[in-house]
Amino acid sequence: MDIGNPKHRPAPGQVAQTLLTAIMITVGNLDILDTWLEVRTGSNLVDLDYESIPAAAPPQAEAPETAIRPPPQGS
């Protein structure tokens, strides 16, 4: 599909409306999960719960000599 063709583009405002709907659903789901947690455990989620999750480790870069394959050997 050629997205450069105006016939295939979404109507003006449709992308923004789709993103807004997705954000509203996400917020609604978080509210439902928080209510479920409060009913089950008697506590709510707080910012500290998110801060205690360790950040993902950055990817380790390979040394240049190991990242490059050696040239093929003659037969």
N, C-alpha and C. Protein backbone atom coordinates (compact mmCIF):
# COMPACT_ATOMS: atom_id res chain seq x y z
N MET A 1 0.85 -1.17 0.00
CA MET A 1 0.00 0.00 0.00
C MET A 1 0.89 1.23 0.00
N ASP A 2 0.60 2.14 -0.86
CA ASP A 2 1.35 3.38 -0.97
C ASP A 2 0.73 4.42 -0.04
N ILE A 3 1.39 4.68 1.11
CA ILE A 3 0.82 5.63 2.06
C ILE A 3 0.98 7.07 1.58
N GLY A 4 1.77 7.28 0.54
CA GLY A 4 1.90 8.61 -0.02
C GLY A 4 0.68 9.02 -0.84
N ASN A 5 -0.12 8.04 -1.22
CA ASN A 5 -1.33 8.31 -1.98
C ASN A 5 -2.39 8.86 -1.04
N PRO A 6 -2.93 10.04 -1.28
CA PRO A 6 -3.92 10.63 -0.37
C PRO A 6 -5.15 9.76 -0.17
N LYS A 7 -5.45 8.88 -1.11
CA LYS A 7 -6.61 8.00 -0.99
C LYS A 7 -6.46 7.04 0.20
N HIS A 8 -5.20 6.68 0.56
CA HIS A 8 -4.94 5.73 1.63
C HIS A 8 -4.69 6.39 2.98
N ARG A 9 -4.64 7.69 3.03
CA ARG A 9 -4.38 8.39 4.29
C ARG A 9 -5.65 8.47 5.14
N PRO A 10 -5.49 8.41 6.48
CA PRO A 10 -6.68 8.59 7.33
C PRO A 10 -7.18 10.03 7.24
N ALA A 11 -8.44 10.19 7.55
CA ALA A 11 -9.05 11.52 7.51
C ALA A 11 -8.36 12.44 8.52
N PRO A 12 -8.37 13.76 8.28
CA PRO A 12 -7.74 14.67 9.24
C PRO A 12 -8.36 14.51 10.63
N GLY A 13 -7.51 14.38 11.61
CA GLY A 13 -7.97 14.23 12.98
C GLY A 13 -8.20 12.80 13.40
N GLN A 14 -8.23 11.85 12.46
CA GLN A 14 -8.49 10.46 12.82
C GLN A 14 -7.32 9.85 13.59
N VAL A 15 -6.10 10.22 13.24
CA VAL A 15 -4.93 9.71 13.96
C VAL A 15 -4.93 10.23 15.38
N ALA A 16 -5.19 11.52 15.54
CA ALA A 16 -5.23 12.11 16.89
C ALA A 16 -6.35 11.49 17.71
N GLN A 17 -7.49 11.25 17.10
CA GLN A 17 -8.60 10.64 17.80
C GLN A 17 -8.26 9.21 18.23
N THR A 18 -7.57 8.46 17.38
CA THR A 18 -7.17 7.10 17.71
C THR A 18 -6.19 7.09 18.87
N LEU A 19 -5.22 8.01 18.85
CA LEU A 19 -4.25 8.08 19.95
C LEU A 19 -4.92 8.48 21.25
N LEU A 20 -5.84 9.43 21.19
CA LEU A 20 -6.55 9.85 22.39
C LEU A 20 -7.38 8.70 22.96
N THR A 21 -8.02 7.94 22.10
CA THR A 21 -8.79 6.79 22.55
C THR A 21 -7.89 5.76 23.23
N ALA A 22 -6.72 5.50 22.65
CA ALA A 22 -5.79 4.55 23.25
C ALA A 22 -5.32 5.01 24.63
N ILE A 23 -5.06 6.31 24.77
CA ILE A 23 -4.63 6.84 26.08
C ILE A 23 -5.76 6.73 27.09
N MET A 24 -6.99 7.02 26.66
CA MET A 24 -8.13 6.92 27.58
C MET A 24 -8.35 5.48 28.04
N ILE A 25 -8.18 4.52 27.14
CA ILE A 25 -8.34 3.11 27.51
C ILE A 25 -7.24 2.70 28.48
N THR A 26 -6.02 3.16 28.24
CA THR A 26 -4.90 2.83 29.14
C THR A 26 -5.15 3.38 30.54
N VAL A 27 -5.60 4.62 30.63
CA VAL A 27 -5.88 5.22 31.94
C VAL A 27 -7.02 4.47 32.63
N GLY A 28 -8.04 4.10 31.87
CA GLY A 28 -9.14 3.32 32.43
C GLY A 28 -8.67 1.97 32.96
N ASN A 29 -7.80 1.31 32.21
CA ASN A 29 -7.26 0.02 32.66
C ASN A 29 -6.43 0.18 33.93
N LEU A 30 -5.63 1.23 34.01
CA LEU A 30 -4.85 1.46 35.23
C LEU A 30 -5.76 1.71 36.43
N ASP A 31 -6.85 2.43 36.21
CA ASP A 31 -7.80 2.68 37.29
C ASP A 31 -8.44 1.37 37.75
N ILE A 32 -8.81 0.51 36.81
CA ILE A 32 -9.39 -0.79 37.16
C ILE A 32 -8.38 -1.63 37.93
N LEU A 33 -7.14 -1.67 37.47
CA LEU A 33 -6.10 -2.45 38.17
C LEU A 33 -5.84 -1.91 39.57
N ASP A 34 -5.84 -0.59 39.72
CA ASP A 34 -5.61 0.01 41.03
C ASP A 34 -6.76 -0.33 41.98
N THR A 35 -8.00 -0.30 41.46
CA THR A 35 -9.16 -0.66 42.28
C THR A 35 -9.08 -2.13 42.69
N TRP A 36 -8.71 -3.00 41.76
CA TRP A 36 -8.57 -4.43 42.06
C TRP A 36 -7.52 -4.65 43.13
N LEU A 37 -6.38 -3.94 43.00
CA LEU A 37 -5.32 -4.08 43.99
C LEU A 37 -5.79 -3.61 45.36
N GLU A 38 -6.54 -2.52 45.41
CA GLU A 38 -7.03 -2.00 46.69
C GLU A 38 -8.00 -2.99 47.33
N VAL A 39 -8.86 -3.61 46.54
CA VAL A 39 -9.82 -4.58 47.08
C VAL A 39 -9.09 -5.83 47.59
N ARG A 40 -8.09 -6.29 46.85
CA ARG A 40 -7.38 -7.52 47.21
C ARG A 40 -6.41 -7.34 48.38
N THR A 41 -5.66 -6.24 48.37
CA THR A 41 -4.59 -6.08 49.36
C THR A 41 -4.83 -4.94 50.33
N GLY A 42 -5.72 -4.03 50.01
CA GLY A 42 -5.97 -2.88 50.87
C GLY A 42 -4.98 -1.75 50.66
N SER A 43 -4.16 -1.82 49.60
CA SER A 43 -3.20 -0.75 49.33
C SER A 43 -3.34 -0.30 47.88
N ASN A 44 -2.90 0.92 47.63
CA ASN A 44 -2.92 1.48 46.27
C ASN A 44 -1.51 1.53 45.71
N LEU A 45 -1.43 1.64 44.38
CA LEU A 45 -0.13 1.85 43.75
C LEU A 45 0.34 3.28 44.03
N VAL A 46 1.61 3.43 44.33
CA VAL A 46 2.19 4.76 44.53
C VAL A 46 3.39 4.89 43.61
N ASP A 47 3.90 6.09 43.48
CA ASP A 47 5.04 6.32 42.61
C ASP A 47 6.25 5.48 43.01
N LEU A 48 6.39 5.21 44.29
CA LEU A 48 7.54 4.42 44.73
C LEU A 48 7.51 3.00 44.19
N ASP A 49 6.31 2.47 43.93
CA ASP A 49 6.21 1.13 43.33
C ASP A 49 6.88 1.10 41.97
N TYR A 50 6.73 2.17 41.21
CA TYR A 50 7.33 2.22 39.89
C TYR A 50 8.83 2.50 39.97
N GLU A 51 9.25 3.26 40.97
CA GLU A 51 10.67 3.58 41.10
C GLU A 51 11.48 2.38 41.57
N SER A 52 10.82 1.41 42.23
CA SER A 52 11.56 0.25 42.73
C SER A 52 11.84 -0.76 41.62
N ILE A 53 11.21 -0.60 40.46
CA ILE A 53 11.46 -1.51 39.35
C ILE A 53 12.81 -1.14 38.73
N PRO A 54 13.74 -2.09 38.65
CA PRO A 54 15.06 -1.74 38.09
C PRO A 54 14.96 -1.40 36.60
N ALA A 55 15.76 -0.46 36.20
CA ALA A 55 15.80 -0.06 34.79
C ALA A 55 16.48 -1.15 33.99
N ALA A 56 16.12 -1.26 32.73
CA ALA A 56 16.74 -2.24 31.85
C ALA A 56 18.21 -1.89 31.64
N ALA A 57 19.04 -2.91 31.63
CA ALA A 57 20.47 -2.68 31.41
C ALA A 57 20.70 -2.28 29.96
N PRO A 58 21.61 -1.34 29.72
CA PRO A 58 21.88 -0.95 28.33
C PRO A 58 22.54 -2.11 27.60
N PRO A 59 22.29 -2.22 26.30
CA PRO A 59 22.90 -3.32 25.55
C PRO A 59 24.42 -3.20 25.52
N GLN A 60 25.07 -4.32 25.65
CA GLN A 60 26.53 -4.35 25.63
C GLN A 60 27.01 -4.37 24.18
N ALA A 61 27.86 -3.43 23.83
CA ALA A 61 28.41 -3.38 22.48
C ALA A 61 29.59 -4.35 22.37
N GLU A 62 29.64 -5.04 21.24
CA GLU A 62 30.76 -5.96 21.03
C GLU A 62 32.00 -5.17 20.63
N ALA A 63 33.14 -5.74 20.97
CA ALA A 63 34.39 -5.12 20.54
C ALA A 63 34.45 -5.18 19.02
N PRO A 64 35.03 -4.17 18.37
CA PRO A 64 35.06 -4.14 16.90
C PRO A 64 35.68 -5.39 16.28
N GLU A 65 36.71 -5.96 16.89
CA GLU A 65 37.35 -7.13 16.28
C GLU A 65 36.46 -8.36 16.34
N THR A 66 35.53 -8.42 17.28
CA THR A 66 34.63 -9.58 17.34
C THR A 66 33.34 -9.32 16.58
N ALA A 67 33.05 -8.09 16.27
CA ALA A 67 31.83 -7.76 15.57
C ALA A 67 31.96 -7.93 14.06
N ILE A 68 33.19 -7.96 13.55
CA ILE A 68 33.44 -8.05 12.12
C ILE A 68 33.91 -9.46 11.78
N ARG A 69 33.29 -10.05 10.76
CA ARG A 69 33.73 -11.38 10.36
C ARG A 69 35.06 -11.28 9.60
N PRO A 70 35.90 -12.27 9.76
CA PRO A 70 37.18 -12.22 9.03
C PRO A 70 36.93 -12.45 7.54
N PRO A 71 37.87 -12.01 6.69
CA PRO A 71 37.70 -12.20 5.25
C PRO A 71 37.73 -13.70 4.91
N PRO A 72 37.08 -14.11 3.85
CA PRO A 72 37.08 -15.52 3.48
C PRO A 72 38.49 -15.98 3.08
N GLN A 73 38.78 -17.22 3.40
CA GLN A 73 40.07 -17.82 3.06
C GLN A 73 40.00 -18.41 1.65
N GLY A 74 41.08 -18.28 0.90
CA GLY A 74 41.12 -18.86 -0.46
C GLY A 74 41.11 -20.37 -0.41
N SER A 75 40.53 -21.02 -1.45
CA SER A 75 40.44 -22.47 -1.45
C SER A 75 41.72 -23.11 -1.90
